Amino acid sequence: MDVTATIDITKDTCPITFVKTKLKLETLSSGDILEVFLKEGEPVKNVPRSVRDEGHKVLLLEPQNGGSIYRLVIEKK
């Protein structure tokens, strides 16, 4: 799995977390892979759900460094 782009939204709060993820996805081509780093809590619950609702595929959601930060990997539709 080759990551096309990466964004770090760990300093952002909802709903900005999804807005930034969506805007980044719009710059990519179908089949590209976006890696997103986000915080536990609302972002880790809402961003993957919203991405799926938009039709994209969540390939991976895994905790990093003890679980307060998560790595989300998305394939653009």
PDB file of N, CA and C in Angstrom:
ATOM      1  N   MET A   1       0.851  -1.174   0.000  1.00  0.00           N
ATOM      2  CA  MET A   1       0.000   0.000   0.000  1.00  0.00           C
ATOM      3  C   MET A   1       0.898   1.239   0.000  1.00  0.00           C
ATOM      4  N   ASP A   2       0.889   1.960  -1.081  1.00  0.00           N
ATOM      5  CA  ASP A   2       1.688   3.179  -1.209  1.00  0.00           C
ATOM      6  C   ASP A   2       0.831   4.391  -0.862  1.00  0.00           C
ATOM      7  N   VAL A   3       1.242   5.120   0.160  1.00  0.00           N
ATOM      8  CA  VAL A   3       0.520   6.317   0.590  1.00  0.00           C
ATOM      9  C   VAL A   3       0.814   7.450  -0.390  1.00  0.00           C
ATOM     10  N   THR A   4      -0.242   8.072  -0.901  1.00  0.00           N
ATOM     11  CA  THR A   4      -0.125   9.176  -1.849  1.00  0.00           C
ATOM     12  C   THR A   4       0.094  10.496  -1.129  1.00  0.00           C
ATOM     13  N   ALA A   5      -0.609  10.693  -0.006  1.00  0.00           N
ATOM     14  CA  ALA A   5      -0.540  11.957   0.738  1.00  0.00           C
ATOM     15  C   ALA A   5      -0.799  11.693   2.214  1.00  0.00           C
ATOM     16  N   THR A   6      -0.306  12.601   3.055  1.00  0.00           N
ATOM     17  CA  THR A   6      -0.487  12.493   4.507  1.00  0.00           C
ATOM     18  C   THR A   6      -0.904  13.849   5.062  1.00  0.00           C
ATOM     19  N   ILE A   7      -1.848  13.824   6.008  1.00  0.00           N
ATOM     20  CA  ILE A   7      -2.195  15.046   6.741  1.00  0.00           C
ATOM     21  C   ILE A   7      -2.233  14.730   8.232  1.00  0.00           C
ATOM     22  N   ASP A   8      -1.914  15.730   9.022  1.00  0.00           N
ATOM     23  CA  ASP A   8      -1.940  15.624  10.476  1.00  0.00           C
ATOM     24  C   ASP A   8      -3.002  16.590  10.983  1.00  0.00           C
ATOM     25  N   ILE A   9      -4.085  16.040  11.516  1.00  0.00           N
ATOM     26  CA  ILE A   9      -5.166  16.880  12.042  1.00  0.00           C
ATOM     27  C   ILE A   9      -5.290  16.704  13.560  1.00  0.00           C
ATOM     28  N   THR A  10      -4.205  16.326  14.199  1.00  0.00           N
ATOM     29  CA  THR A  10      -4.229  16.077  15.647  1.00  0.00           C
ATOM     30  C   THR A  10      -4.460  17.337  16.468  1.00  0.00           C
ATOM     31  N   LYS A  11      -4.199  18.491  15.916  1.00  0.00           N
ATOM     32  CA  LYS A  11      -4.401  19.740  16.647  1.00  0.00           C
ATOM     33  C   LYS A  11      -5.781  20.354  16.378  1.00  0.00           C
ATOM     34  N   ASP A  12      -6.555  19.719  15.501  1.00  0.00           N
ATOM     35  CA  ASP A  12      -7.867  20.243  15.118  1.00  0.00           C
ATOM     36  C   ASP A  12      -8.986  19.547  15.887  1.00  0.00           C
ATOM     37  N   THR A  13     -10.161  20.195  15.917  1.00  0.00           N
ATOM     38  CA  THR A  13     -11.340  19.624  16.554  1.00  0.00           C
ATOM     39  C   THR A  13     -12.446  19.463  15.519  1.00  0.00           C
ATOM     40  N   CYS A  14     -13.426  18.638  15.852  1.00  0.00           N
ATOM     41  CA  CYS A  14     -14.573  18.440  14.972  1.00  0.00           C
ATOM     42  C   CYS A  14     -15.369  19.744  14.892  1.00  0.00           C
ATOM     43  N   PRO A  15     -15.920  20.109  13.768  1.00  0.00           N
ATOM     44  CA  PRO A  15     -15.964  19.379  12.501  1.00  0.00           C
ATOM     45  C   PRO A  15     -14.807  19.694  11.548  1.00  0.00           C
ATOM     46  N   ILE A  16     -13.852  20.508  11.994  1.00  0.00           N
ATOM     47  CA  ILE A  16     -12.724  20.883  11.130  1.00  0.00           C
ATOM     48  C   ILE A  16     -11.918  19.649  10.719  1.00  0.00           C
ATOM     49  N   THR A  17     -11.882  18.631  11.577  1.00  0.00           N
ATOM     50  CA  THR A  17     -11.112  17.423  11.254  1.00  0.00           C
ATOM     51  C   THR A  17     -11.610  16.798   9.957  1.00  0.00           C
ATOM     52  N   PHE A  18     -12.927  16.653   9.822  1.00  0.00           N
ATOM     53  CA  PHE A  18     -13.463  16.067   8.595  1.00  0.00           C
ATOM     54  C   PHE A  18     -13.338  17.028   7.421  1.00  0.00           C
ATOM     55  N   VAL A  19     -13.543  18.308   7.660  1.00  0.00           N
ATOM     56  CA  VAL A  19     -13.428  19.293   6.571  1.00  0.00           C
ATOM     57  C   VAL A  19     -12.032  19.229   5.955  1.00  0.00           C
ATOM     58  N   LYS A  20     -10.994  19.208   6.777  1.00  0.00           N
ATOM     59  CA  LYS A  20      -9.627  19.142   6.254  1.00  0.00           C
ATOM     60  C   LYS A  20      -9.372  17.827   5.526  1.00  0.00           C
ATOM     61  N   THR A  21      -9.906  16.734   6.058  1.00  0.00           N
ATOM     62  CA  THR A  21      -9.750  15.426   5.404  1.00  0.00           C
ATOM     63  C   THR A  21     -10.450  15.437   4.046  1.00  0.00           C
ATOM     64  N   LYS A  22     -11.662  15.949   4.001  1.00  0.00           N
ATOM     65  CA  LYS A  22     -12.431  16.009   2.751  1.00  0.00           C
ATOM     66  C   LYS A  22     -11.727  16.879   1.709  1.00  0.00           C
ATOM     67  N   LEU A  23     -11.226  18.037   2.137  1.00  0.00           N
ATOM     68  CA  LEU A  23     -10.528  18.931   1.205  1.00  0.00           C
ATOM     69  C   LEU A  23      -9.277  18.265   0.637  1.00  0.00           C
ATOM     70  N   LYS A  24      -8.552  17.521   1.468  1.00  0.00           N
ATOM     71  CA  LYS A  24      -7.358  16.828   0.982  1.00  0.00           C
ATOM     72  C   LYS A  24      -7.745  15.728   0.005  1.00  0.00           C
ATOM     73  N   LEU A  25      -8.802  14.990   0.309  1.00  0.00           N
ATOM     74  CA  LEU A  25      -9.263  13.934  -0.602  1.00  0.00           C
ATOM     75  C   LEU A  25      -9.647  14.510  -1.964  1.00  0.00           C
ATOM     76  N   GLU A  26     -10.200  15.707  -1.984  1.00  0.00           N
ATOM     77  CA  GLU A  26     -10.604  16.339  -3.242  1.00  0.00           C
ATOM     78  C   GLU A  26      -9.413  16.640  -4.152  1.00  0.00           C
ATOM     79  N   THR A  27      -8.213  16.731  -3.590  1.00  0.00           N
ATOM     80  CA  THR A  27      -7.017  17.002  -4.397  1.00  0.00           C
ATOM     81  C   THR A  27      -6.410  15.727  -4.979  1.00  0.00           C
ATOM     82  N   LEU A  28      -6.919  14.577  -4.545  1.00  0.00           N
ATOM     83  CA  LEU A  28      -6.359  13.291  -4.971  1.00  0.00           C
ATOM     84  C   LEU A  28      -7.189  12.674  -6.082  1.00  0.00           C
ATOM     85  N   SER A  29      -6.601  11.683  -6.747  1.00  0.00           N
ATOM     86  CA  SER A  29      -7.286  10.941  -7.809  1.00  0.00           C
ATOM     87  C   SER A  29      -7.907   9.677  -7.238  1.00  0.00           C
ATOM     88  N   SER A  30      -8.877   9.136  -7.941  1.00  0.00           N
ATOM     89  CA  SER A  30      -9.512   7.888  -7.541  1.00  0.00           C
ATOM     90  C   SER A  30      -8.454   6.790  -7.387  1.00  0.00           C
ATOM     91  N   GLY A  31      -8.516   6.066  -6.280  1.00  0.00           N
ATOM     92  CA  GLY A  31      -7.553   5.002  -6.021  1.00  0.00           C
ATOM     93  C   GLY A  31      -6.341   5.447  -5.211  1.00  0.00           C
ATOM     94  N   ASP A  32      -6.151   6.773  -5.052  1.00  0.00           N
ATOM     95  CA  ASP A  32      -5.042   7.278  -4.244  1.00  0.00           C
ATOM     96  C   ASP A  32      -5.284   6.942  -2.769  1.00  0.00           C
ATOM     97  N   ILE A  33      -4.198   6.894  -2.010  1.00  0.00           N
ATOM     98  CA  ILE A  33      -4.251   6.553  -0.594  1.00  0.00           C
ATOM     99  C   ILE A  33      -3.878   7.776   0.240  1.00  0.00           C
ATOM    100  N   LEU A  34      -4.766   8.129   1.169  1.00  0.00           N
ATOM    101  CA  LEU A  34      -4.529   9.249   2.092  1.00  0.00           C
ATOM    102  C   LEU A  34      -4.319   8.701   3.495  1.00  0.00           C
ATOM    103  N   GLU A  35      -3.234   9.134   4.120  1.00  0.00           N
ATOM    104  CA  GLU A  35      -2.926   8.776   5.497  1.00  0.00           C
ATOM    105  C   GLU A  35      -3.246   9.990   6.369  1.00  0.00           C
ATOM    106  N   VAL A  36      -4.049   9.761   7.415  1.00  0.00           N
ATOM    107  CA  VAL A  36      -4.489  10.847   8.285  1.00  0.00           C
ATOM    108  C   VAL A  36      -4.121  10.499   9.728  1.00  0.00           C
ATOM    109  N   PHE A  37      -3.504  11.446  10.420  1.00  0.00           N
ATOM    110  CA  PHE A  37      -3.236  11.277  11.849  1.00  0.00           C
ATOM    111  C   PHE A  37      -4.220  12.146  12.608  1.00  0.00           C
ATOM    112  N   LEU A  38      -4.961  11.535  13.559  1.00  0.00           N
ATOM    113  CA  LEU A  38      -5.993  12.246  14.283  1.00  0.00           C
ATOM    114  C   LEU A  38      -6.020  11.825  15.742  1.00  0.00           C
ATOM    115  N   LYS A  39      -6.703  12.619  16.567  1.00  0.00           N
ATOM    116  CA  LYS A  39      -6.790  12.367  18.002  1.00  0.00           C
ATOM    117  C   LYS A  39      -7.898  11.374  18.314  1.00  0.00           C
ATOM    118  N   GLU A  40      -7.763  10.753  19.510  1.00  0.00           N
ATOM    119  CA  GLU A  40      -8.820   9.884  20.005  1.00  0.00           C
ATOM    120  C   GLU A  40     -10.062  10.725  20.313  1.00  0.00           C
ATOM    121  N   GLY A  41     -11.161  10.075  20.579  1.00  0.00           N
ATOM    122  CA  GLY A  41     -12.401  10.779  20.906  1.00  0.00           C
ATOM    123  C   GLY A  41     -13.223  11.052  19.665  1.00  0.00           C
ATOM    124  N   GLU A  42     -13.814  12.236  19.606  1.00  0.00           N
ATOM    125  CA  GLU A  42     -14.701  12.589  18.489  1.00  0.00           C
ATOM    126  C   GLU A  42     -14.064  12.415  17.118  1.00  0.00           C
ATOM    127  N   PRO A  43     -12.836  12.911  16.894  1.00  0.00           N
ATOM    128  CA  PRO A  43     -12.259  12.749  15.559  1.00  0.00           C
ATOM    129  C   PRO A  43     -12.157  11.288  15.103  1.00  0.00           C
ATOM    130  N   VAL A  44     -11.723  10.405  15.989  1.00  0.00           N
ATOM    131  CA  VAL A  44     -11.543   9.007  15.588  1.00  0.00           C
ATOM    132  C   VAL A  44     -12.894   8.298  15.392  1.00  0.00           C
ATOM    133  N   LYS A  45     -13.941   8.825  15.995  1.00  0.00           N
ATOM    134  CA  LYS A  45     -15.290   8.268  15.783  1.00  0.00           C
ATOM    135  C   LYS A  45     -15.917   8.845  14.515  1.00  0.00           C
ATOM    136  N   ASN A  46     -15.801  10.164  14.338  1.00  0.00           N
ATOM    137  CA  ASN A  46     -16.544  10.853  13.283  1.00  0.00           C
ATOM    138  C   ASN A  46     -15.877  10.834  11.912  1.00  0.00           C
ATOM    139  N   VAL A  47     -14.553  11.014  11.846  1.00  0.00           N
ATOM    140  CA  VAL A  47     -13.895  11.115  10.539  1.00  0.00           C
ATOM    141  C   VAL A  47     -14.029   9.813   9.736  1.00  0.00           C
ATOM    142  N   PRO A  48     -13.724   8.639  10.311  1.00  0.00           N
ATOM    143  CA  PRO A  48     -13.886   7.409   9.507  1.00  0.00           C
ATOM    144  C   PRO A  48     -15.330   7.203   9.033  1.00  0.00           C
ATOM    145  N   ARG A  49     -16.295   7.483   9.900  1.00  0.00           N
ATOM    146  CA  ARG A  49     -17.703   7.334   9.513  1.00  0.00           C
ATOM    147  C   ARG A  49     -18.063   8.277   8.368  1.00  0.00           C
ATOM    148  N   SER A  50     -17.650   9.536   8.479  1.00  0.00           N
ATOM    149  CA  SER A  50     -17.955  10.521   7.444  1.00  0.00           C
ATOM    150  C   SER A  50     -17.274  10.173   6.125  1.00  0.00           C
ATOM    151  N   VAL A  51     -16.053   9.667   6.201  1.00  0.00           N
ATOM    152  CA  VAL A  51     -15.321   9.260   4.993  1.00  0.00           C
ATOM    153  C   VAL A  51     -16.072   8.130   4.288  1.00  0.00           C
ATOM    154  N   ARG A  52     -16.545   7.149   5.070  1.00  0.00           N
ATOM    155  CA  ARG A  52     -17.325   6.040   4.489  1.00  0.00           C
ATOM    156  C   ARG A  52     -18.627   6.564   3.867  1.00  0.00           C
ATOM    157  N   ASP A  53     -19.277   7.502   4.563  1.00  0.00           N
ATOM    158  CA  ASP A  53     -20.527   8.084   4.052  1.00  0.00           C
ATOM    159  C   ASP A  53     -20.313   8.778   2.706  1.00  0.00           C
ATOM    160  N   GLU A  54     -19.099   9.290   2.486  1.00  0.00           N
ATOM    161  CA  GLU A  54     -18.762   9.951   1.219  1.00  0.00           C
ATOM    162  C   GLU A  54     -18.429   8.932   0.123  1.00  0.00           C
ATOM    163  N   GLY A  55     -18.341   7.649   0.493  1.00  0.00           N
ATOM    164  CA  GLY A  55     -18.083   6.606  -0.496  1.00  0.00           C
ATOM    165  C   GLY A  55     -16.648   6.128  -0.568  1.00  0.00           C
ATOM    166  N   HIS A  56     -15.780   6.678   0.262  1.00  0.00           N
ATOM    167  CA  HIS A  56     -14.377   6.264   0.271  1.00  0.00           C
ATOM    168  C   HIS A  56     -14.221   5.002   1.114  1.00  0.00           C
ATOM    169  N   LYS A  57     -13.089   4.337   0.976  1.00  0.00           N
ATOM    170  CA  LYS A  57     -12.844   3.079   1.678  1.00  0.00           C
ATOM    171  C   LYS A  57     -11.817   3.292   2.794  1.00  0.00           C
ATOM    172  N   VAL A  58     -12.190   2.943   4.017  1.00  0.00           N
ATOM    173  CA  VAL A  58     -11.259   2.986   5.137  1.00  0.00           C
ATOM    174  C   VAL A  58     -10.468   1.679   5.114  1.00  0.00           C
ATOM    175  N   LEU A  59      -9.167   1.787   4.866  1.00  0.00           N
ATOM    176  CA  LEU A  59      -8.314   0.610   4.784  1.00  0.00           C
ATOM    177  C   LEU A  59      -7.747   0.210   6.144  1.00  0.00           C
ATOM    178  N   LEU A  60      -7.551   1.194   7.025  1.00  0.00           N
ATOM    179  CA  LEU A  60      -6.888   0.922   8.291  1.00  0.00           C
ATOM    180  C   LEU A  60      -7.191   2.025   9.290  1.00  0.00           C
ATOM    181  N   LEU A  61      -7.418   1.640  10.524  1.00  0.00           N
ATOM    182  CA  LEU A  61      -7.535   2.589  11.627  1.00  0.00           C
ATOM    183  C   LEU A  61      -6.828   1.943  12.802  1.00  0.00           C
ATOM    184  N   GLU A  62      -5.671   2.498  13.184  1.00  0.00           N
ATOM    185  CA  GLU A  62      -4.876   1.876  14.240  1.00  0.00           C
ATOM    186  C   GLU A  62      -4.317   2.920  15.193  1.00  0.00           C
ATOM    187  N   PRO A  63      -4.247   2.573  16.492  1.00  0.00           N
ATOM    188  CA  PRO A  63      -3.668   3.498  17.470  1.00  0.00           C
ATOM    189  C   PRO A  63      -2.163   3.604  17.295  1.00  0.00           C
ATOM    190  N   GLN A  64      -1.644   4.776  17.624  1.00  0.00           N
ATOM    191  CA  GLN A  64      -0.204   5.043  17.578  1.00  0.00           C
ATOM    192  C   GLN A  64       0.243   5.508  18.960  1.00  0.00           C
ATOM    193  N   ASN A  65       1.445   5.184  19.349  1.00  0.00           N
ATOM    194  CA  ASN A  65       2.043   5.728  20.583  1.00  0.00           C
ATOM    195  C   ASN A  65       1.117   5.641  21.792  1.00  0.00           C
ATOM    196  N   GLY A  66       0.597   4.477  22.071  1.00  0.00           N
ATOM    197  CA  GLY A  66      -0.222   4.305  23.267  1.00  0.00           C
ATOM    198  C   GLY A  66      -1.696   4.601  23.097  1.00  0.00           C
ATOM    199  N   GLY A  67      -2.127   5.035  21.933  1.00  0.00           N
ATOM    200  CA  GLY A  67      -3.546   5.154  21.665  1.00  0.00           C
ATOM    201  C   GLY A  67      -4.171   6.528  21.700  1.00  0.00           C
ATOM    202  N   SER A  68      -3.440   7.581  22.037  1.00  0.00           N
ATOM    203  CA  SER A  68      -4.068   8.907  22.033  1.00  0.00           C
ATOM    204  C   SER A  68      -4.109   9.504  20.625  1.00  0.00           C
ATOM    205  N   ILE A  69      -3.252   9.003  19.744  1.00  0.00           N
ATOM    206  CA  ILE A  69      -3.226   9.405  18.335  1.00  0.00           C
ATOM    207  C   ILE A  69      -3.524   8.162  17.493  1.00  0.00           C
ATOM    208  N   TYR A  70      -4.295   8.348  16.437  1.00  0.00           N
ATOM    209  CA  TYR A  70      -4.643   7.239  15.543  1.00  0.00           C
ATOM    210  C   TYR A  70      -4.167   7.525  14.128  1.00  0.00           C
ATOM    211  N   ARG A  71      -3.888   6.449  13.407  1.00  0.00           N
ATOM    212  CA  ARG A  71      -3.529   6.516  11.994  1.00  0.00           C
ATOM    213  C   ARG A  71      -4.700   5.943  11.197  1.00  0.00           C
ATOM    214  N   LEU A  72      -5.246   6.755  10.321  1.00  0.00           N
ATOM    215  CA  LEU A  72      -6.361   6.376   9.464  1.00  0.00           C
ATOM    216  C   LEU A  72      -5.856   6.364   8.033  1.00  0.00           C
ATOM    217  N   VAL A  73      -6.087   5.260   7.317  1.00  0.00           N
ATOM    218  CA  VAL A  73      -5.667   5.147   5.923  1.00  0.00           C
ATOM    219  C   VAL A  73      -6.911   4.980   5.067  1.00  0.00           C
ATOM    220  N   ILE A  74      -7.052   5.868   4.089  1.00  0.00           N
ATOM    221  CA  ILE A  74      -8.257   5.942   3.260  1.00  0.00           C
ATOM    222  C   ILE A  74      -7.885   5.766   1.796  1.00  0.00           C
ATOM    223  N   GLU A  75      -8.702   4.993   1.075  1.00  0.00           N
ATOM    224  CA  GLU A  75      -8.574   4.904  -0.382  1.00  0.00           C
ATOM    225  C   GLU A  75      -9.685   5.756  -0.978  1.00  0.00           C
ATOM    226  N   LYS A  76      -9.292   6.730  -1.810  1.00  0.00           N
ATOM    227  CA  LYS A  76     -10.286   7.611  -2.428  1.00  0.00           C
ATOM    228  C   LYS A  76     -11.101   6.835  -3.454  1.00  0.00           C
ATOM    229  N   LYS A  77     -12.405   7.101  -3.466  1.00  0.00           N
ATOM    230  CA  LYS A  77     -13.285   6.429  -4.429  1.00  0.00           C
ATOM    231  C   LYS A  77     -13.042   6.909  -5.835  1.00  0.00           C
TER     232      LYS A  77
END
